[in-house]
N, C-alpha and C. Protein backbone atom coordinates (compact mmCIF):
# COMPACT_ATOMS: atom_id res chain seq x y z
N UNK A 1 96.66 91.60 94.93
CA UNK A 1 95.85 91.12 95.98
C UNK A 1 94.87 91.60 96.26
N UNK A 2 93.67 90.70 96.31
CA UNK A 2 92.74 91.79 96.82
C UNK A 2 92.11 90.95 98.29
N UNK A 3 91.98 91.61 99.37
CA UNK A 3 91.51 91.17 100.39
C UNK A 3 90.28 91.86 100.91
N UNK A 4 89.48 90.85 101.11
CA UNK A 4 87.94 91.15 101.64
C UNK A 4 87.59 90.86 103.17
N UNK A 5 87.36 91.96 103.90
CA UNK A 5 86.88 91.67 105.33
C UNK A 5 85.22 91.49 105.32
N UNK A 6 85.11 90.11 105.86
CA UNK A 6 83.86 89.97 106.08
C UNK A 6 83.49 89.71 107.55
N UNK A 7 83.95 90.40 108.40
CA UNK A 7 83.93 90.44 109.96
C UNK A 7 83.63 91.87 110.41
N UNK A 8 82.79 92.41 110.99
CA UNK A 8 82.47 93.46 111.13
C UNK A 8 83.45 94.16 112.44
N UNK A 9 84.02 93.18 113.38
CA UNK A 9 84.76 93.55 114.17
C UNK A 9 86.17 93.84 113.80
N UNK A 10 86.57 93.13 112.87
CA UNK A 10 87.83 93.34 112.05
C UNK A 10 87.76 94.60 111.74
N UNK A 11 86.85 94.91 110.78
CA UNK A 11 86.42 95.89 109.99
C UNK A 11 86.63 97.42 110.78
N UNK A 12 86.04 97.36 111.99
CA UNK A 12 85.79 98.25 113.10
C UNK A 12 87.12 98.36 113.80
N UNK A 13 88.12 97.52 114.02
CA UNK A 13 89.30 97.79 114.33
C UNK A 13 90.27 98.07 113.37
N UNK A 14 90.27 98.01 112.05
CA UNK A 14 90.76 98.43 110.93
C UNK A 14 90.67 99.92 110.84
N UNK A 15 89.13 100.37 110.76
CA UNK A 15 89.12 101.82 110.82
C UNK A 15 89.61 102.47 111.86
N UNK A 16 89.49 101.94 113.33
CA UNK A 16 89.91 102.83 114.51
C UNK A 16 91.48 102.80 114.29
N UNK A 17 92.28 101.86 113.71
CA UNK A 17 93.63 101.77 113.32
C UNK A 17 93.85 102.97 112.38
N UNK A 18 93.03 103.06 111.29
CA UNK A 18 93.10 103.97 110.31
C UNK A 18 93.31 105.55 111.17
N UNK A 19 92.02 105.80 111.69
CA UNK A 19 92.16 107.10 112.47
C UNK A 19 92.99 107.09 113.50
N UNK A 20 93.28 106.35 114.48
CA UNK A 20 94.58 106.42 115.40
C UNK A 20 95.79 106.74 114.56
N UNK A 21 96.35 106.03 113.67
CA UNK A 21 97.41 106.52 112.93
C UNK A 21 97.56 107.90 111.69
N UNK A 22 96.48 108.33 111.36
CA UNK A 22 96.24 109.41 110.46
C UNK A 22 96.64 108.37 109.19
N UNK A 23 96.42 107.28 108.88
CA UNK A 23 96.67 106.66 107.54
C UNK A 23 95.62 107.12 106.64
N UNK A 24 96.33 107.50 105.46
CA UNK A 24 95.48 107.75 104.43
C UNK A 24 94.68 106.67 103.57
N UNK A 25 94.75 105.46 103.76
CA UNK A 25 94.05 104.09 103.58
C UNK A 25 94.32 103.36 104.06
N UNK A 26 93.35 102.15 104.12
CA UNK A 26 93.59 100.62 104.87
C UNK A 26 94.95 100.16 104.35
N UNK A 27 95.21 100.37 103.13
CA UNK A 27 96.54 99.74 102.96
C UNK A 27 97.59 100.38 103.72
N UNK A 28 97.67 101.63 103.95
CA UNK A 28 98.79 102.26 104.54
C UNK A 28 98.61 101.91 106.07
N UNK A 29 97.55 101.63 106.68
CA UNK A 29 97.26 101.29 107.94
C UNK A 29 97.88 99.83 108.09
N UNK A 30 97.47 99.12 107.14
CA UNK A 30 98.20 97.43 107.29
C UNK A 30 99.85 97.60 107.21
N UNK A 31 100.09 98.30 106.24
CA UNK A 31 101.53 98.57 106.26
C UNK A 31 102.27 98.88 107.48
N UNK A 32 101.63 100.06 108.16
CA UNK A 32 102.32 100.30 109.27
C UNK A 32 102.09 99.28 110.46
N UNK A 33 101.07 98.27 110.58
CA UNK A 33 100.75 97.29 111.19
C UNK A 33 101.72 96.40 111.38
N UNK A 34 102.09 96.04 109.91
CA UNK A 34 103.22 94.79 109.51
C UNK A 34 104.33 95.12 110.00
N UNK A 35 104.80 96.66 109.68
CA UNK A 35 105.98 97.07 110.14
C UNK A 35 106.45 97.00 111.44
N UNK A 36 105.32 97.27 112.45
CA UNK A 36 105.27 97.14 113.75
C UNK A 36 105.62 95.96 114.22
N UNK A 37 104.86 94.93 113.63
CA UNK A 37 105.08 93.57 113.92
C UNK A 37 106.22 92.91 113.81
N UNK A 38 106.78 93.23 112.63
CA UNK A 38 108.20 92.62 112.52
C UNK A 38 109.14 93.11 112.98
N UNK A 39 108.98 94.51 113.53
CA UNK A 39 109.98 95.27 114.30
C UNK A 39 109.96 94.47 115.68
N UNK A 40 108.67 94.06 116.36
CA UNK A 40 108.50 93.35 117.48
C UNK A 40 109.05 92.03 117.36
N UNK A 41 108.79 91.37 116.28
CA UNK A 41 109.41 89.80 116.01
C UNK A 41 110.96 90.08 116.11
N UNK A 42 111.32 90.96 115.24
CA UNK A 42 112.98 91.06 115.31
C UNK A 42 113.72 91.27 116.68
N UNK A 43 112.95 91.96 117.25
CA UNK A 43 113.58 92.61 118.80
C UNK A 43 113.23 91.40 119.65
N UNK A 44 112.13 90.45 119.58
CA UNK A 44 112.14 89.32 120.48
C UNK A 44 113.30 88.21 120.09
N UNK A 45 113.50 88.11 118.51
CA UNK A 45 114.60 87.42 118.30
C UNK A 45 115.87 87.51 118.61
N UNK A 46 116.06 88.84 118.31
CA UNK A 46 117.62 89.46 118.79
C UNK A 46 117.55 89.36 120.62
N UNK A 47 116.54 89.33 121.45
CA UNK A 47 116.81 89.32 122.89
C UNK A 47 116.30 88.19 123.36
N UNK A 48 116.02 87.09 122.63
CA UNK A 48 115.28 85.86 123.38
C UNK A 48 116.29 85.37 124.17
N UNK A 49 117.60 85.23 124.28
CA UNK A 49 118.62 84.65 125.25
C UNK A 49 118.43 85.52 126.66
N UNK A 50 118.23 86.77 126.49
CA UNK A 50 118.26 87.81 127.57
C UNK A 50 116.95 87.39 128.24
N UNK A 51 115.67 87.37 127.43
CA UNK A 51 114.45 87.22 128.13
C UNK A 51 114.59 85.74 128.72
N UNK A 52 114.88 84.82 128.20
CA UNK A 52 114.78 83.69 128.76
C UNK A 52 115.75 83.47 130.04
N UNK A 53 116.68 84.13 130.15
CA UNK A 53 117.82 84.23 131.37
C UNK A 53 117.17 84.92 132.63
N UNK A 54 116.27 85.95 131.99
CA UNK A 54 115.66 86.76 133.33
C UNK A 54 114.42 85.80 133.47
N UNK A 55 113.76 85.25 132.65
CA UNK A 55 112.49 84.43 133.21
C UNK A 55 113.19 83.27 134.06
N UNK A 56 114.08 82.75 133.77
CA UNK A 56 114.80 81.56 134.46
C UNK A 56 115.25 82.18 135.79
N UNK A 57 115.79 83.35 135.89
CA UNK A 57 116.27 83.91 137.23
C UNK A 57 115.17 84.23 138.07
N UNK A 58 113.93 84.66 137.46
CA UNK A 58 112.48 84.78 138.23
C UNK A 58 111.96 83.61 138.95
N UNK A 59 112.07 82.47 137.81
CA UNK A 59 111.71 81.33 138.57
C UNK A 59 112.54 80.69 139.63
N UNK A 60 113.84 81.03 139.61
CA UNK A 60 114.63 80.56 140.63
C UNK A 60 114.21 81.26 141.98
N UNK A 61 114.26 82.53 141.72
CA UNK A 61 113.96 83.48 142.86
C UNK A 61 112.63 83.07 143.58
N UNK A 62 111.65 82.66 142.52
CA UNK A 62 110.18 82.09 143.44
C UNK A 62 110.61 80.90 144.33
N UNK A 63 111.20 80.01 143.39
CA UNK A 63 111.42 78.73 144.19
C UNK A 63 112.02 78.80 145.58
N UNK A 64 113.12 79.94 145.43
CA UNK A 64 114.11 80.17 146.83
C UNK A 64 112.88 80.99 147.78
N UNK A 65 111.51 81.13 147.42
CA UNK A 65 110.89 82.00 148.29
C UNK A 65 110.95 83.48 148.05
N UNK A 66 111.68 83.82 147.48
CA UNK A 66 112.18 85.45 147.33
C UNK A 66 110.99 86.08 146.18
N UNK A 67 109.92 85.73 146.15
CA UNK A 67 108.77 86.44 145.46
C UNK A 67 108.27 87.52 146.30
N UNK A 68 107.14 88.20 145.76
CA UNK A 68 106.65 89.12 146.42
C UNK A 68 105.31 88.47 146.76
N UNK A 69 104.93 88.83 147.97
CA UNK A 69 103.43 87.92 148.47
C UNK A 69 102.39 88.69 147.54
N UNK A 70 101.36 87.92 147.42
CA UNK A 70 100.26 88.37 146.63
C UNK A 70 99.62 89.35 146.97
N UNK A 71 99.37 89.74 148.37
CA UNK A 71 98.64 90.74 148.98
C UNK A 71 99.65 92.13 149.00
N UNK A 72 100.69 91.85 148.44
CA UNK A 72 101.49 93.33 148.06
C UNK A 72 101.84 93.54 146.68
N UNK A 73 101.63 92.41 146.06
CA UNK A 73 101.97 92.70 144.44
C UNK A 73 101.55 93.88 143.82
N UNK A 74 100.32 94.20 143.97
CA UNK A 74 99.48 95.51 143.49
C UNK A 74 100.28 96.88 143.68
N UNK A 75 100.57 96.77 145.14
CA UNK A 75 101.30 98.09 145.45
C UNK A 75 102.93 97.92 145.07
N UNK A 76 103.62 96.93 144.82
CA UNK A 76 104.77 96.86 144.32
C UNK A 76 104.77 97.11 143.03
N UNK A 77 103.96 97.04 142.25
CA UNK A 77 103.55 97.23 140.83
C UNK A 77 103.54 98.73 140.41
N UNK A 78 102.77 99.41 141.49
CA UNK A 78 102.59 100.48 141.34
C UNK A 78 103.56 101.55 141.27
N UNK A 79 104.57 101.08 142.62
CA UNK A 79 105.82 101.76 142.90
C UNK A 79 106.55 101.72 141.62
N UNK A 80 106.83 100.51 140.99
CA UNK A 80 107.46 100.47 139.84
C UNK A 80 107.16 101.34 138.78
N UNK A 81 105.93 101.54 138.59
CA UNK A 81 105.22 102.30 137.34
C UNK A 81 105.75 103.66 137.80
N UNK A 82 105.80 104.26 139.19
CA UNK A 82 106.34 105.65 139.16
C UNK A 82 107.81 105.74 139.40
N UNK A 83 108.45 104.81 139.11
CA UNK A 83 109.96 105.16 138.95
C UNK A 83 110.27 105.93 137.57
N UNK A 84 111.05 106.58 137.58
CA UNK A 84 111.55 107.22 136.41
C UNK A 84 112.09 106.57 135.33
N UNK A 85 112.10 106.85 134.10
CA UNK A 85 112.83 106.24 133.20
C UNK A 85 112.69 104.53 133.16
């Protein structure tokens, strides 16, 4: 299979990926990208029920007024980022 890229932005992104991963060729970079995507797809499929239940729980909490007020959201997210592990 021969793949031609006629979009300078995509070509630049692929070159950036090659440099970032140390891939020896565009084919190696594309293989790594595909592996990563397949891994993510597999994880999402395996965890779909858990993800959906957590989303439902969050929506229910918001409907009960248990959400974080918008003016406090950035501060709360920063606190969560600082938590270990």
